[in-house]
């Protein structure tokens, strides 16, 4: 079974418009630009909900993983499904699944860490944050059945 057949259900769709400068000489979106698309989708997704009391001292990306499933072609846009994959004590995992014409083209995840007031030290997620994140969990295909 390929990785693209094992993708979770759910998430929120964020359409990201591609820029001319995103492409390489083959007409593909440059692999480093895909990282920027993932970042843009995550920021737009998290900003949609207007929860100013969440993560008041910020978040940092502690880890990033990105699998390129197919070439991302330079077209008008890419659709990115964004959701929460896992919630820990001080961190959570945001997953990003990009597609073009309904076909998955990349699958990535970021480990996000909540910062304390000093904006350097990790801190535990509070109940309000955990609740917000829980509402945005991806479902595995088995759980969706």
Protein backbone atom coordinates (compact mmCIF):
# COMPACT_ATOMS: atom_id res chain seq x y z
CA UNK A 1 0.00 0.00 0.00
CA UNK A 2 1.39 3.40 -0.93
CA UNK A 3 1.66 6.22 1.56
CA UNK A 4 -1.01 8.22 -0.33
CA UNK A 5 -3.58 5.41 0.17
CA UNK A 6 -3.10 5.57 3.94
CA UNK A 7 -3.92 9.25 4.51
CA UNK A 8 -6.30 10.29 7.31
CA UNK A 9 -9.79 11.70 6.85
CA UNK A 10 -10.81 15.22 7.79
CA UNK A 11 -8.81 18.33 8.31
CA UNK A 12 -9.61 21.78 7.00
CA UNK A 13 -8.83 22.76 3.42
CA UNK A 14 -6.65 25.78 2.75
CA UNK A 15 -6.12 26.86 -0.85
CA UNK A 16 -2.64 28.24 -1.49
CA UNK A 17 -2.09 30.20 -4.69
CA UNK A 18 1.23 29.48 -6.33
CA UNK A 19 3.61 32.20 -7.39
CA UNK A 20 5.69 32.24 -10.58
CA UNK A 21 8.84 32.20 -8.45
CA UNK A 22 7.75 28.88 -6.83
CA UNK A 23 8.61 26.87 -9.94
CA UNK A 24 11.85 25.31 -11.10
CA UNK A 25 13.12 24.87 -14.67
CA UNK A 26 10.98 21.71 -15.09
CA UNK A 27 7.71 23.47 -14.23
CA UNK A 28 7.57 21.80 -10.82
CA UNK A 29 7.26 23.69 -7.57
CA UNK A 30 10.75 23.73 -6.04
CA UNK A 31 11.04 21.37 -3.05
CA UNK A 32 12.13 24.19 -0.72
CA UNK A 33 9.10 26.25 -1.80
CA UNK A 34 6.83 23.39 -0.75
CA UNK A 35 8.09 23.98 2.82
CA UNK A 36 6.93 27.60 2.47
CA UNK A 37 3.51 26.43 1.20
CA UNK A 38 3.19 24.17 4.26
CA UNK A 39 4.07 27.08 6.54
CA UNK A 40 1.57 29.39 4.83
CA UNK A 41 -1.21 26.78 5.07
CA UNK A 42 -0.51 26.20 8.79
CA UNK A 43 -0.51 29.92 9.59
CA UNK A 44 -3.70 30.59 7.63
CA UNK A 45 -5.37 27.53 9.21
CA UNK A 46 -4.50 28.55 12.76
CA UNK A 47 -5.47 32.19 12.17
CA UNK A 48 -8.95 31.31 10.87
CA UNK A 49 -10.38 30.75 14.31
CA UNK A 50 -9.58 34.08 15.94
CA UNK A 51 -8.68 32.61 19.32
CA UNK A 52 -6.39 35.31 20.74
CA UNK A 53 -6.14 33.53 24.10
CA UNK A 54 -4.43 30.50 22.55
CA UNK A 55 -0.65 30.24 22.76
CA UNK A 56 -0.19 33.81 24.09
CA UNK A 57 3.62 33.59 24.09
CA UNK A 58 3.90 31.89 20.73
CA UNK A 59 4.77 28.54 19.21
CA UNK A 60 7.92 27.21 17.60
CA UNK A 61 8.43 24.46 15.06
CA UNK A 62 10.54 21.83 16.83
CA UNK A 63 10.57 19.32 13.99
CA UNK A 64 9.38 19.04 10.41
CA UNK A 65 8.88 16.04 8.16
CA UNK A 66 7.82 16.27 4.52
CA UNK A 67 7.24 13.43 2.07
CA UNK A 68 7.00 14.34 -1.60
CA UNK A 69 4.46 11.89 -3.03
CA UNK A 70 4.38 13.29 -6.59
CA UNK A 71 5.72 16.38 -8.30
CA UNK A 72 3.84 19.56 -7.39
CA UNK A 73 3.23 21.28 -10.72
CA UNK A 74 3.15 25.00 -11.21
CA UNK A 75 -0.57 25.67 -11.69
CA UNK A 76 -2.80 28.27 -10.12
CA UNK A 77 -2.96 26.65 -6.67
CA UNK A 78 -2.50 23.69 -4.38
CA UNK A 79 -5.09 22.55 -1.83
CA UNK A 80 -3.70 21.71 1.61
CA UNK A 81 -5.70 19.80 4.23
CA UNK A 82 -4.48 20.83 7.67
CA UNK A 83 -5.32 19.22 10.99
CA UNK A 84 -3.93 17.98 14.27
CA UNK A 85 -2.43 14.50 14.31
CA UNK A 86 -1.36 14.19 17.96
CA UNK A 87 -1.58 16.20 21.17
CA UNK A 88 1.15 15.81 23.79
CA UNK A 89 1.89 17.54 27.09
CA UNK A 90 3.93 20.47 25.73
CA UNK A 91 3.60 19.94 22.00
CA UNK A 92 1.28 18.87 19.23
CA UNK A 93 1.67 17.64 15.67
CA UNK A 94 0.08 19.51 12.77
CA UNK A 95 -0.29 17.49 9.56
CA UNK A 96 -0.43 18.99 6.08
CA UNK A 97 -1.61 16.99 3.06
CA UNK A 98 -1.25 18.81 -0.25
CA UNK A 99 -3.15 17.85 -3.38
CA UNK A 100 -3.61 18.96 -6.96
CA UNK A 101 -6.61 17.82 -8.99
CA UNK A 102 -7.61 15.57 -6.09
CA UNK A 103 -4.29 13.69 -6.08
CA UNK A 104 -2.06 13.84 -2.98
CA UNK A 105 1.30 15.44 -3.83
CA UNK A 106 2.90 15.89 -0.40
CA UNK A 107 2.33 14.80 3.18
CA UNK A 108 4.05 16.61 6.00
CA UNK A 109 3.95 17.19 9.70
CA UNK A 110 5.31 19.76 12.13
CA UNK A 111 5.86 19.29 15.84
CA UNK A 112 4.76 22.57 17.43
CA UNK A 113 5.86 23.53 20.95
CA UNK A 114 4.04 26.09 23.11
CA UNK A 115 6.32 28.68 24.69
CA UNK A 116 6.29 30.09 28.22
CA UNK A 117 6.30 33.80 29.03
CA UNK A 118 10.07 34.05 28.45
CA UNK A 119 9.44 32.95 24.82
CA UNK A 120 12.26 30.40 25.14
CA UNK A 121 11.05 27.69 27.50
CA UNK A 122 8.50 25.03 26.53
CA UNK A 123 5.38 24.95 28.67
CA UNK A 124 2.46 22.57 29.11
CA UNK A 125 -0.59 23.10 26.92
CA UNK A 126 -3.51 24.48 28.91
CA UNK A 127 -7.03 23.01 28.88
CA UNK A 128 -8.39 25.65 26.47
CA UNK A 129 -5.58 24.92 23.99
CA UNK A 130 -6.02 21.16 24.35
CA UNK A 131 -9.75 21.52 23.72
CA UNK A 132 -9.18 23.68 20.61
CA UNK A 133 -6.63 21.20 19.26
CA UNK A 134 -8.88 18.21 20.01
CA UNK A 135 -11.62 19.71 17.86
CA UNK A 136 -9.18 19.71 14.92
CA UNK A 137 -7.87 16.15 15.11
CA UNK A 138 -7.54 14.18 11.89
CA UNK A 139 -9.33 10.83 11.90
CA UNK A 140 -7.72 7.60 10.79
CA UNK A 141 -9.67 5.78 8.09
CA UNK A 142 -10.54 3.03 10.58
CA UNK A 143 -11.99 5.57 13.08
CA UNK A 144 -14.00 7.30 10.34
CA UNK A 145 -15.85 4.07 9.43
